[in-house]
PDB file of N, CA and C in Angstrom:
ATOM      1  N   UNK A   1     -10.164  -8.207  52.529  1.00  0.00           N
ATOM      2  CA  UNK A   1      -9.304  -8.477  51.402  1.00  0.00           C
ATOM      3  C   UNK A   1     -10.117  -9.049  50.219  1.00  0.00           C
ATOM      4  N   UNK A   2     -11.085  -9.898  50.554  1.00  0.00           N
ATOM      5  CA  UNK A   2     -11.918 -10.495  49.504  1.00  0.00           C
ATOM      6  C   UNK A   2     -12.750  -9.439  48.795  1.00  0.00           C
ATOM      7  N   UNK A   3     -13.168  -8.401  49.545  1.00  0.00           N
ATOM      8  CA  UNK A   3     -13.958  -7.326  48.936  1.00  0.00           C
ATOM      9  C   UNK A   3     -13.119  -6.508  47.955  1.00  0.00           C
ATOM     10  N   UNK A   4     -11.855  -6.306  48.286  1.00  0.00           N
ATOM     11  CA  UNK A   4     -10.963  -5.621  47.359  1.00  0.00           C
ATOM     12  C   UNK A   4     -10.804  -6.415  46.065  1.00  0.00           C
ATOM     13  N   UNK A   5     -10.639  -7.713  46.193  1.00  0.00           N
ATOM     14  CA  UNK A   5     -10.492  -8.574  45.020  1.00  0.00           C
ATOM     15  C   UNK A   5     -11.754  -8.542  44.164  1.00  0.00           C
ATOM     16  N   UNK A   6     -12.922  -8.641  44.783  1.00  0.00           N
ATOM     17  CA  UNK A   6     -14.189  -8.615  44.042  1.00  0.00           C
ATOM     18  C   UNK A   6     -14.381  -7.257  43.373  1.00  0.00           C
ATOM     19  N   UNK A   7     -14.040  -6.163  44.077  1.00  0.00           N
ATOM     20  CA  UNK A   7     -14.142  -4.830  43.490  1.00  0.00           C
ATOM     21  C   UNK A   7     -13.216  -4.669  42.292  1.00  0.00           C
ATOM     22  N   UNK A   8     -11.983  -5.167  42.425  1.00  0.00           N
ATOM     23  CA  UNK A   8     -11.024  -5.101  41.317  1.00  0.00           C
ATOM     24  C   UNK A   8     -11.511  -5.929  40.138  1.00  0.00           C
ATOM     25  N   UNK A   9     -12.010  -7.108  40.396  1.00  0.00           N
ATOM     26  CA  UNK A   9     -12.519  -7.979  39.344  1.00  0.00           C
ATOM     27  C   UNK A   9     -13.704  -7.333  38.624  1.00  0.00           C
ATOM     28  N   UNK A  10     -14.617  -6.713  39.363  1.00  0.00           N
ATOM     29  CA  UNK A  10     -15.765  -6.025  38.755  1.00  0.00           C
ATOM     30  C   UNK A  10     -15.300  -4.862  37.898  1.00  0.00           C
ATOM     31  N   UNK A  11     -14.283  -4.130  38.358  1.00  0.00           N
ATOM     32  CA  UNK A  11     -13.743  -3.009  37.598  1.00  0.00           C
ATOM     33  C   UNK A  11     -13.125  -3.499  36.287  1.00  0.00           C
ATOM     34  N   UNK A  12     -12.429  -4.618  36.319  1.00  0.00           N
ATOM     35  CA  UNK A  12     -11.817  -5.183  35.114  1.00  0.00           C
ATOM     36  C   UNK A  12     -12.877  -5.657  34.124  1.00  0.00           C
ATOM     37  N   UNK A  13     -13.907  -6.317  34.608  1.00  0.00           N
ATOM     38  CA  UNK A  13     -14.987  -6.807  33.738  1.00  0.00           C
ATOM     39  C   UNK A  13     -15.710  -5.632  33.096  1.00  0.00           C
ATOM     40  N   UNK A  14     -15.959  -4.577  33.865  1.00  0.00           N
ATOM     41  CA  UNK A  14     -16.617  -3.381  33.331  1.00  0.00           C
ATOM     42  C   UNK A  14     -15.779  -2.792  32.195  1.00  0.00           C
ATOM     43  N   UNK A  15     -14.464  -2.762  32.364  1.00  0.00           N
ATOM     44  CA  UNK A  15     -13.575  -2.240  31.341  1.00  0.00           C
ATOM     45  C   UNK A  15     -13.617  -3.049  30.055  1.00  0.00           C
ATOM     46  N   UNK A  16     -13.906  -4.323  30.156  1.00  0.00           N
ATOM     47  CA  UNK A  16     -13.974  -5.199  28.976  1.00  0.00           C
ATOM     48  C   UNK A  16     -15.316  -5.071  28.268  1.00  0.00           C
ATOM     49  N   UNK A  17     -16.415  -5.024  29.008  1.00  0.00           N
ATOM     50  CA  UNK A  17     -17.736  -5.068  28.374  1.00  0.00           C
ATOM     51  C   UNK A  17     -18.297  -3.699  28.010  1.00  0.00           C
ATOM     52  N   UNK A  18     -17.738  -2.634  28.562  1.00  0.00           N
ATOM     53  CA  UNK A  18     -18.235  -1.289  28.279  1.00  0.00           C
ATOM     54  C   UNK A  18     -17.554  -0.737  27.021  1.00  0.00           C
ATOM     55  N   UNK A  19     -18.325  -0.114  26.108  1.00  0.00           N
ATOM     56  CA  UNK A  19     -17.695   0.465  24.910  1.00  0.00           C
ATOM     57  C   UNK A  19     -16.800   1.645  25.285  1.00  0.00           C
ATOM     58  N   UNK A  20     -15.801   1.959  24.449  1.00  0.00           N
ATOM     59  CA  UNK A  20     -14.877   3.042  24.769  1.00  0.00           C
ATOM     60  C   UNK A  20     -15.526   4.417  24.655  1.00  0.00           C
ATOM     61  N   UNK A  21     -14.963   5.375  25.370  1.00  0.00           N
ATOM     62  CA  UNK A  21     -15.454   6.749  25.244  1.00  0.00           C
ATOM     63  C   UNK A  21     -14.883   7.371  23.974  1.00  0.00           C
ATOM     64  N   UNK A  22     -15.694   8.210  23.328  1.00  0.00           N
ATOM     65  CA  UNK A  22     -15.286   8.884  22.094  1.00  0.00           C
ATOM     66  C   UNK A  22     -16.037  10.200  21.998  1.00  0.00           C
ATOM     67  N   UNK A  23     -15.297  11.287  21.783  1.00  0.00           N
ATOM     68  CA  UNK A  23     -15.883  12.606  21.613  1.00  0.00           C
ATOM     69  C   UNK A  23     -15.324  13.224  20.347  1.00  0.00           C
ATOM     70  N   UNK A  24     -16.221  13.689  19.465  1.00  0.00           N
ATOM     71  CA  UNK A  24     -15.800  14.415  18.266  1.00  0.00           C
ATOM     72  C   UNK A  24     -16.055  15.892  18.528  1.00  0.00           C
ATOM     73  N   UNK A  25     -14.984  16.692  18.521  1.00  0.00           N
ATOM     74  CA  UNK A  25     -15.070  18.118  18.818  1.00  0.00           C
ATOM     75  C   UNK A  25     -15.393  18.912  17.555  1.00  0.00           C
ATOM     76  N   UNK A  26     -14.725  18.566  16.455  1.00  0.00           N
ATOM     77  CA  UNK A  26     -14.996  19.235  15.197  1.00  0.00           C
ATOM     78  C   UNK A  26     -14.712  18.286  14.043  1.00  0.00           C
ATOM     79  N   UNK A  27     -15.433  18.413  12.969  1.00  0.00           N
ATOM     80  CA  UNK A  27     -16.446  19.412  12.680  1.00  0.00           C
ATOM     81  C   UNK A  27     -17.761  19.072  13.391  1.00  0.00           C
ATOM     82  N   UNK A  28     -18.616  20.064  13.513  1.00  0.00           N
ATOM     83  CA  UNK A  28     -19.937  19.851  14.091  1.00  0.00           C
ATOM     84  C   UNK A  28     -20.841  19.201  13.053  1.00  0.00           C
ATOM     85  N   UNK A  29     -21.741  18.345  13.507  1.00  0.00           N
ATOM     86  CA  UNK A  29     -22.687  17.700  12.603  1.00  0.00           C
ATOM     87  C   UNK A  29     -23.528  18.765  11.904  1.00  0.00           C
ATOM     88  N   UNK A  30     -23.648  18.663  10.584  1.00  0.00           N
ATOM     89  CA  UNK A  30     -24.430  19.609   9.811  1.00  0.00           C
ATOM     90  C   UNK A  30     -23.643  20.821   9.347  1.00  0.00           C
ATOM     91  N   UNK A  31     -22.332  20.835   9.579  1.00  0.00           N
ATOM     92  CA  UNK A  31     -21.501  21.962   9.160  1.00  0.00           C
ATOM     93  C   UNK A  31     -21.491  22.106   7.648  1.00  0.00           C
ATOM     94  N   UNK A  32     -21.438  23.353   7.192  1.00  0.00           N
ATOM     95  CA  UNK A  32     -21.262  23.661   5.771  1.00  0.00           C
ATOM     96  C   UNK A  32     -19.899  24.325   5.648  1.00  0.00           C
ATOM     97  N   UNK A  33     -19.029  23.738   4.817  1.00  0.00           N
ATOM     98  CA  UNK A  33     -17.663  24.240   4.675  1.00  0.00           C
ATOM     99  C   UNK A  33     -17.360  24.531   3.214  1.00  0.00           C
ATOM    100  N   UNK A  34     -16.307  25.320   2.977  1.00  0.00           N
ATOM    101  CA  UNK A  34     -15.929  25.645   1.606  1.00  0.00           C
ATOM    102  C   UNK A  34     -14.569  25.045   1.225  1.00  0.00           C
ATOM    103  N   UNK A  35     -13.857  24.470   2.188  1.00  0.00           N
ATOM    104  CA  UNK A  35     -12.546  23.868   1.942  1.00  0.00           C
ATOM    105  C   UNK A  35     -12.689  22.377   1.639  1.00  0.00           C
ATOM    106  N   UNK A  36     -11.851  21.875   0.731  1.00  0.00           N
ATOM    107  CA  UNK A  36     -11.917  20.462   0.338  1.00  0.00           C
ATOM    108  C   UNK A  36     -11.306  19.518   1.370  1.00  0.00           C
ATOM    109  N   UNK A  37     -10.550  20.047   2.305  1.00  0.00           N
ATOM    110  CA  UNK A  37      -9.961  19.234   3.371  1.00  0.00           C
ATOM    111  C   UNK A  37     -10.342  19.852   4.707  1.00  0.00           C
ATOM    112  N   UNK A  38     -10.798  18.998   5.617  1.00  0.00           N
ATOM    113  CA  UNK A  38     -11.121  19.469   6.964  1.00  0.00           C
ATOM    114  C   UNK A  38     -10.331  18.661   7.975  1.00  0.00           C
ATOM    115  N   UNK A  39     -10.273  19.176   9.185  1.00  0.00           N
ATOM    116  CA  UNK A  39      -9.576  18.497  10.265  1.00  0.00           C
ATOM    117  C   UNK A  39     -10.613  17.933  11.228  1.00  0.00           C
ATOM    118  N   UNK A  40     -10.636  16.607  11.352  1.00  0.00           N
ATOM    119  CA  UNK A  40     -11.526  15.944  12.312  1.00  0.00           C
ATOM    120  C   UNK A  40     -10.747  15.863  13.622  1.00  0.00           C
ATOM    121  N   UNK A  41     -11.337  16.420  14.684  1.00  0.00           N
ATOM    122  CA  UNK A  41     -10.654  16.480  15.975  1.00  0.00           C
ATOM    123  C   UNK A  41     -11.535  15.938  17.083  1.00  0.00           C
ATOM    124  N   UNK A  42     -10.903  15.345  18.066  1.00  0.00           N
ATOM    125  CA  UNK A  42     -11.654  14.842  19.203  1.00  0.00           C
ATOM    126  C   UNK A  42     -10.773  14.126  20.192  1.00  0.00           C
ATOM    127  N   UNK A  43     -11.425  13.309  21.002  1.00  0.00           N
ATOM    128  CA  UNK A  43     -10.729  12.555  22.036  1.00  0.00           C
ATOM    129  C   UNK A  43     -11.329  11.161  22.128  1.00  0.00           C
ATOM    130  N   UNK A  44     -10.456  10.166  22.204  1.00  0.00           N
ATOM    131  CA  UNK A  44     -10.899   8.775  22.334  1.00  0.00           C
ATOM    132  C   UNK A  44     -10.209   8.157  23.547  1.00  0.00           C
ATOM    133  N   UNK A  45     -10.841   7.147  24.093  1.00  0.00           N
ATOM    134  CA  UNK A  45     -10.273   6.463  25.243  1.00  0.00           C
ATOM    135  C   UNK A  45      -8.890   5.926  24.897  1.00  0.00           C
ATOM    136  N   UNK A  46      -7.961   6.113  25.804  1.00  0.00           N
ATOM    137  CA  UNK A  46      -6.593   5.647  25.604  1.00  0.00           C
ATOM    138  C   UNK A  46      -6.576   4.126  25.389  1.00  0.00           C
ATOM    139  N   UNK A  47      -5.745   3.685  24.456  1.00  0.00           N
ATOM    140  CA  UNK A  47      -5.620   2.252  24.197  1.00  0.00           C
ATOM    141  C   UNK A  47      -6.612   1.706  23.195  1.00  0.00           C
ATOM    142  N   UNK A  48      -7.396   2.568  22.563  1.00  0.00           N
ATOM    143  CA  UNK A  48      -8.358   2.099  21.560  1.00  0.00           C
ATOM    144  C   UNK A  48      -7.780   2.276  20.159  1.00  0.00           C
ATOM    145  N   UNK A  49      -8.329   1.515  19.217  1.00  0.00           N
ATOM    146  CA  UNK A  49      -7.987   1.659  17.799  1.00  0.00           C
ATOM    147  C   UNK A  49      -8.958   2.682  17.228  1.00  0.00           C
ATOM    148  N   UNK A  50      -8.437   3.739  16.656  1.00  0.00           N
ATOM    149  CA  UNK A  50      -9.257   4.840  16.166  1.00  0.00           C
ATOM    150  C   UNK A  50      -9.234   4.878  14.649  1.00  0.00           C
ATOM    151  N   UNK A  51     -10.423   5.033  14.035  1.00  0.00           N
ATOM    152  CA  UNK A  51     -10.509   5.186  12.585  1.00  0.00           C
ATOM    153  C   UNK A  51     -11.454   6.334  12.246  1.00  0.00           C
ATOM    154  N   UNK A  52     -11.149   6.990  11.116  1.00  0.00           N
ATOM    155  CA  UNK A  52     -12.029   8.006  10.556  1.00  0.00           C
ATOM    156  C   UNK A  52     -12.274   7.601   9.115  1.00  0.00           C
ATOM    157  N   UNK A  53     -13.519   7.263   8.794  1.00  0.00           N
ATOM    158  CA  UNK A  53     -13.886   6.748   7.472  1.00  0.00           C
ATOM    159  C   UNK A  53     -13.034   5.536   7.094  1.00  0.00           C
ATOM    160  N   UNK A  54     -12.770   4.687   8.064  1.00  0.00           N
ATOM    161  CA  UNK A  54     -11.994   3.476   7.827  1.00  0.00           C
ATOM    162  C   UNK A  54     -10.495   3.680   7.800  1.00  0.00           C
ATOM    163  N   UNK A  55     -10.052   4.936   7.828  1.00  0.00           N
ATOM    164  CA  UNK A  55      -8.628   5.270   7.799  1.00  0.00           C
ATOM    165  C   UNK A  55      -8.100   5.280   9.228  1.00  0.00           C
ATOM    166  N   UNK A  56      -7.044   4.502   9.465  1.00  0.00           N
ATOM    167  CA  UNK A  56      -6.441   4.427  10.797  1.00  0.00           C
ATOM    168  C   UNK A  56      -5.962   5.809  11.234  1.00  0.00           C
ATOM    169  N   UNK A  57      -6.242   6.161  12.472  1.00  0.00           N
ATOM    170  CA  UNK A  57      -5.828   7.450  13.021  1.00  0.00           C
ATOM    171  C   UNK A  57      -5.141   7.205  14.359  1.00  0.00           C
ATOM    172  N   UNK A  58      -4.145   8.006  14.648  1.00  0.00           N
ATOM    173  CA  UNK A  58      -3.412   7.848  15.901  1.00  0.00           C
ATOM    174  C   UNK A  58      -3.740   8.996  16.844  1.00  0.00           C
ATOM    175  N   UNK A  59      -3.951   8.643  18.099  1.00  0.00           N
ATOM    176  CA  UNK A  59      -4.149   9.653  19.121  1.00  0.00           C
ATOM    177  C   UNK A  59      -2.820   9.984  19.779  1.00  0.00           C
ATOM    178  N   UNK A  60      -2.739  11.148  20.401  1.00  0.00           N
ATOM    179  CA  UNK A  60      -1.507  11.503  21.105  1.00  0.00           C
ATOM    180  C   UNK A  60      -1.548  10.922  22.519  1.00  0.00           C
ATOM    181  N   UNK A  61      -0.588  11.304  23.337  1.00  0.00           N
ATOM    182  CA  UNK A  61      -0.495  10.747  24.696  1.00  0.00           C
ATOM    183  C   UNK A  61      -1.710  11.060  25.557  1.00  0.00           C
ATOM    184  N   UNK A  62      -2.379  12.169  25.269  1.00  0.00           N
ATOM    185  CA  UNK A  62      -3.564  12.530  26.050  1.00  0.00           C
ATOM    186  C   UNK A  62      -4.838  12.010  25.384  1.00  0.00           C
ATOM    187  N   UNK A  63      -4.695  11.084  24.412  1.00  0.00           N
ATOM    188  CA  UNK A  63      -5.807  10.416  23.711  1.00  0.00           C
ATOM    189  C   UNK A  63      -6.580  11.355  22.787  1.00  0.00           C
ATOM    190  N   UNK A  64      -5.995  12.502  22.444  1.00  0.00           N
ATOM    191  CA  UNK A  64      -6.647  13.409  21.502  1.00  0.00           C
ATOM    192  C   UNK A  64      -6.161  13.095  20.097  1.00  0.00           C
ATOM    193  N   UNK A  65      -7.038  13.327  19.117  1.00  0.00           N
ATOM    194  CA  UNK A  65      -6.667  13.048  17.731  1.00  0.00           C
ATOM    195  C   UNK A  65      -7.011  14.216  16.824  1.00  0.00           C
ATOM    196  N   UNK A  66      -6.284  14.329  15.724  1.00  0.00           N
ATOM    197  CA  UNK A  66      -6.483  15.339  14.682  1.00  0.00           C
ATOM    198  C   UNK A  66      -6.186  14.635  13.364  1.00  0.00           C
ATOM    199  N   UNK A  67      -7.211  14.489  12.516  1.00  0.00           N
ATOM    200  CA  UNK A  67      -7.060  13.754  11.266  1.00  0.00           C
ATOM    201  C   UNK A  67      -7.586  14.597  10.102  1.00  0.00           C
ATOM    202  N   UNK A  68      -6.728  14.916   9.109  1.00  0.00           N
ATOM    203  CA  UNK A  68      -7.227  15.631   7.930  1.00  0.00           C
ATOM    204  C   UNK A  68      -8.008  14.660   7.035  1.00  0.00           C
ATOM    205  N   UNK A  69      -9.162  15.106   6.554  1.00  0.00           N
ATOM    206  CA  UNK A  69     -10.012  14.277   5.687  1.00  0.00           C
ATOM    207  C   UNK A  69     -10.387  15.096   4.463  1.00  0.00           C
ATOM    208  N   UNK A  70     -10.236  14.483   3.287  1.00  0.00           N
ATOM    209  CA  UNK A  70     -10.644  15.123   2.041  1.00  0.00           C
ATOM    210  C   UNK A  70     -12.145  14.936   1.849  1.00  0.00           C
ATOM    211  N   UNK A  71     -12.809  15.995   1.379  1.00  0.00           N
ATOM    212  CA  UNK A  71     -14.249  15.977   1.150  1.00  0.00           C
ATOM    213  C   UNK A  71     -14.548  16.025  -0.343  1.00  0.00           C
ATOM    214  N   UNK A  72     -15.732  15.548  -0.687  1.00  0.00           N
ATOM    215  CA  UNK A  72     -16.239  15.700  -2.051  1.00  0.00           C
ATOM    216  C   UNK A  72     -17.354  16.740  -2.000  1.00  0.00           C
ATOM    217  N   UNK A  73     -17.640  17.348  -3.125  1.00  0.00           N
ATOM    218  CA  UNK A  73     -18.685  18.364  -3.166  1.00  0.00           C
ATOM    219  C   UNK A  73     -20.025  17.746  -2.772  1.00  0.00           C
ATOM    220  N   UNK A  74     -20.771  18.462  -1.951  1.00  0.00           N
ATOM    221  CA  UNK A  74     -22.068  17.974  -1.483  1.00  0.00           C
ATOM    222  C   UNK A  74     -21.962  17.382  -0.087  1.00  0.00           C
ATOM    223  N   UNK A  75     -22.833  16.417   0.198  1.00  0.00           N
ATOM    224  CA  UNK A  75     -22.909  15.806   1.528  1.00  0.00           C
ATOM    225  C   UNK A  75     -21.812  14.768   1.732  1.00  0.00           C
ATOM    226  N   UNK A  76     -21.115  14.860   2.850  1.00  0.00           N
ATOM    227  CA  UNK A  76     -20.088  13.902   3.259  1.00  0.00           C
ATOM    228  C   UNK A  76     -20.470  13.383   4.639  1.00  0.00           C
ATOM    229  N   UNK A  77     -20.542  12.073   4.789  1.00  0.00           N
ATOM    230  CA  UNK A  77     -20.800  11.484   6.097  1.00  0.00           C
ATOM    231  C   UNK A  77     -19.495  10.904   6.608  1.00  0.00           C
ATOM    232  N   UNK A  78     -19.030  11.438   7.730  1.00  0.00           N
ATOM    233  CA  UNK A  78     -17.787  10.988   8.338  1.00  0.00           C
ATOM    234  C   UNK A  78     -18.124   9.996   9.442  1.00  0.00           C
ATOM    235  N   UNK A  79     -17.448   8.864   9.446  1.00  0.00           N
ATOM    236  CA  UNK A  79     -17.630   7.850  10.472  1.00  0.00           C
ATOM    237  C   UNK A  79     -16.378   7.807  11.326  1.00  0.00           C
ATOM    238  N   UNK A  80     -16.525   8.198  12.588  1.00  0.00           N
ATOM    239  CA  UNK A  80     -15.410   8.190  13.531  1.00  0.00           C
ATOM    240  C   UNK A  80     -15.685   7.058  14.517  1.00  0.00           C
ATOM    241  N   UNK A  81     -14.719   6.132  14.646  1.00  0.00           N
ATOM    242  CA  UNK A  81     -14.932   4.961  15.493  1.00  0.00           C
ATOM    243  C   UNK A  81     -13.732   4.697  16.385  1.00  0.00           C
ATOM    244  N   UNK A  82     -14.020   4.295  17.619  1.00  0.00           N
ATOM    245  CA  UNK A  82     -12.990   3.854  18.576  1.00  0.00           C
ATOM    246  C   UNK A  82     -13.339   2.428  18.970  1.00  0.00           C
ATOM    247  N   UNK A  83     -12.360   1.524  18.860  1.00  0.00           N
ATOM    248  CA  UNK A  83     -12.588   0.112  19.150  1.00  0.00           C
ATOM    249  C   UNK A  83     -11.591  -0.367  20.195  1.00  0.00           C
ATOM    250  N   UNK A  84     -12.119  -1.013  21.243  1.00  0.00           N
ATOM    251  CA  UNK A  84     -11.255  -1.602  22.267  1.00  0.00           C
ATOM    252  C   UNK A  84     -10.665  -2.903  21.742  1.00  0.00           C
ATOM    253  N   UNK A  85      -9.608  -3.383  22.389  1.00  0.00           N
ATOM    254  CA  UNK A  85      -8.962  -4.617  21.950  1.00  0.00           C
ATOM    255  C   UNK A  85      -9.882  -5.830  22.071  1.00  0.00           C
ATOM    256  N   UNK A  86     -10.940  -5.731  22.863  1.00  0.00           N
ATOM    257  CA  UNK A  86     -11.888  -6.839  23.000  1.00  0.00           C
ATOM    258  C   UNK A  86     -13.056  -6.717  22.033  1.00  0.00           C
ATOM    259  N   UNK A  87     -13.019  -5.699  21.139  1.00  0.00           N
ATOM    260  CA  UNK A  87     -14.007  -5.585  20.077  1.00  0.00           C
ATOM    261  C   UNK A  87     -15.155  -4.622  20.305  1.00  0.00           C
ATOM    262  N   UNK A  88     -15.317  -4.091  21.492  1.00  0.00           N
ATOM    263  CA  UNK A  88     -16.394  -3.122  21.737  1.00  0.00           C
ATOM    264  C   UNK A  88     -16.067  -1.824  21.007  1.00  0.00           C
ATOM    265  N   UNK A  89     -17.066  -1.270  20.294  1.00  0.00           N
ATOM    266  CA  UNK A  89     -16.850  -0.091  19.461  1.00  0.00           C
ATOM    267  C   UNK A  89     -17.853   1.007  19.781  1.00  0.00           C
ATOM    268  N   UNK A  90     -17.372   2.243  19.768  1.00  0.00           N
ATOM    269  CA  UNK A  90     -18.224   3.421  19.829  1.00  0.00           C
ATOM    270  C   UNK A  90     -18.037   4.141  18.506  1.00  0.00           C
ATOM    271  N   UNK A  91     -19.151   4.552  17.897  1.00  0.00           N
ATOM    272  CA  UNK A  91     -19.090   5.170  16.579  1.00  0.00           C
ATOM    273  C   UNK A  91     -19.922   6.454  16.564  1.00  0.00           C
ATOM    274  N   UNK A  92     -19.382   7.493  15.936  1.00  0.00           N
ATOM    275  CA  UNK A  92     -20.105   8.749  15.749  1.00  0.00           C
ATOM    276  C   UNK A  92     -20.152   9.054  14.255  1.00  0.00           C
ATOM    277  N   UNK A  93     -21.319   9.454  13.779  1.00  0.00           N
ATOM    278  CA  UNK A  93     -21.480   9.894  12.393  1.00  0.00           C
ATOM    279  C   UNK A  93     -21.609  11.411  12.394  1.00  0.00           C
ATOM    280  N   UNK A  94     -20.849  12.057  11.510  1.00  0.00           N
ATOM    281  CA  UNK A  94     -20.879  13.506  11.399  1.00  0.00           C
ATOM    282  C   UNK A  94     -21.109  13.849   9.935  1.00  0.00           C
ATOM    283  N   UNK A  95     -22.179  14.603   9.664  1.00  0.00           N
ATOM    284  CA  UNK A  95     -22.472  15.028   8.294  1.00  0.00           C
ATOM    285  C   UNK A  95     -21.903  16.422   8.060  1.00  0.00           C
ATOM    286  N   UNK A  96     -21.167  16.552   6.947  1.00  0.00           N
ATOM    287  CA  UNK A  96     -20.555  17.824   6.569  1.00  0.00           C
ATOM    288  C   UNK A  96     -20.881  18.069   5.100  1.00  0.00           C
ATOM    289  N   UNK A  97     -21.285  19.297   4.791  1.00  0.00           N
ATOM    290  CA  UNK A  97     -21.609  19.648   3.403  1.00  0.00           C
ATOM    291  C   UNK A  97     -20.498  20.544   2.868  1.00  0.00           C
ATOM    292  N   UNK A  98     -19.935  20.138   1.718  1.00  0.00           N
ATOM    293  CA  UNK A  98     -18.918  20.949   1.051  1.00  0.00           C
ATOM    294  C   UNK A  98     -19.580  21.756  -0.047  1.00  0.00           C
ATOM    295  N   UNK A  99     -19.530  23.076   0.125  1.00  0.00           N
ATOM    296  CA  UNK A  99     -20.003  24.022  -0.901  1.00  0.00           C
ATOM    297  C   UNK A  99     -18.818  24.906  -1.231  1.00  0.00           C
ATOM    298  N   UNK A 100     -18.056  24.534  -2.271  1.00  0.00           N
ATOM    299  CA  UNK A 100     -16.866  25.334  -2.593  1.00  0.00           C
ATOM    300  C   UNK A 100     -17.238  26.765  -2.968  1.00  0.00           C
ATOM    301  N   UNK A 101     -16.380  27.682  -2.625  1.00  0.00           N
ATOM    302  CA  UNK A 101     -16.573  29.072  -2.962  1.00  0.00           C
ATOM    303  C   UNK A 101     -16.364  29.249  -4.456  1.00  0.00           C
ATOM    304  N   UNK A 102     -17.298  29.924  -5.118  1.00  0.00           N
ATOM    305  CA  UNK A 102     -17.185  30.193  -6.550  1.00  0.00           C
ATOM    306  C   UNK A 102     -16.742  31.639  -6.708  1.00  0.00           C
ATOM    307  N   UNK A 103     -15.627  31.811  -7.403  1.00  0.00           N
ATOM    308  CA  UNK A 103     -15.113  33.165  -7.626  1.00  0.00           C
ATOM    309  C   UNK A 103     -15.592  33.678  -8.968  1.00  0.00           C
ATOM    310  N   UNK A 104     -16.057  34.904  -8.983  1.00  0.00           N
ATOM    311  CA  UNK A 104     -16.513  35.545 -10.210  1.00  0.00           C
ATOM    312  C   UNK A 104     -15.265  36.130 -10.901  1.00  0.00           C
ATOM    313  N   UNK A 105     -14.995  35.656 -12.130  1.00  0.00           N
ATOM    314  CA  UNK A 105     -13.760  36.061 -12.828  1.00  0.00           C
ATOM    315  C   UNK A 105     -14.040  37.079 -13.946  1.00  0.00           C
ATOM    316  N   UNK A 106     -15.028  37.917 -13.743  1.00  0.00           N
ATOM    317  CA  UNK A 106     -15.333  38.939 -14.748  1.00  0.00           C
ATOM    318  C   UNK A 106     -14.368  40.083 -14.693  1.00  0.00           C
TER     319      UNK A 106
END
C-alpha cells in the first residue's frame, strides 16, 4: 500500500514540475504564404493556458486548437505557448513570411 502511495505522489510531483506538451501542426516554420490571415493549429496538454502571440486561445475537448492570426508583410514570428497552472511553460516559435500576391492590372 505504501508503494502505491509513493508511486501516486511521484506521479503528481512529475505533473507539477514537468512543462506541458505542445505541438504546432501548422503553419510550418519557414512557410511562405500569400494570405494576410493564417490559421495556427496544434495540440496542447489539457488544462493549460494557451496563447498565440500573447492572444488567449482556447482548446477544444481533445486539447486541439485553431487560432486565426493576422500577418504583416515580410517576416512574422509567431509565439505559441502553453502554461500549466503552476507556471511551467512550453513555447514554440514559428517563422512565417507573408508575400502577398501582386496582380498585374494591365
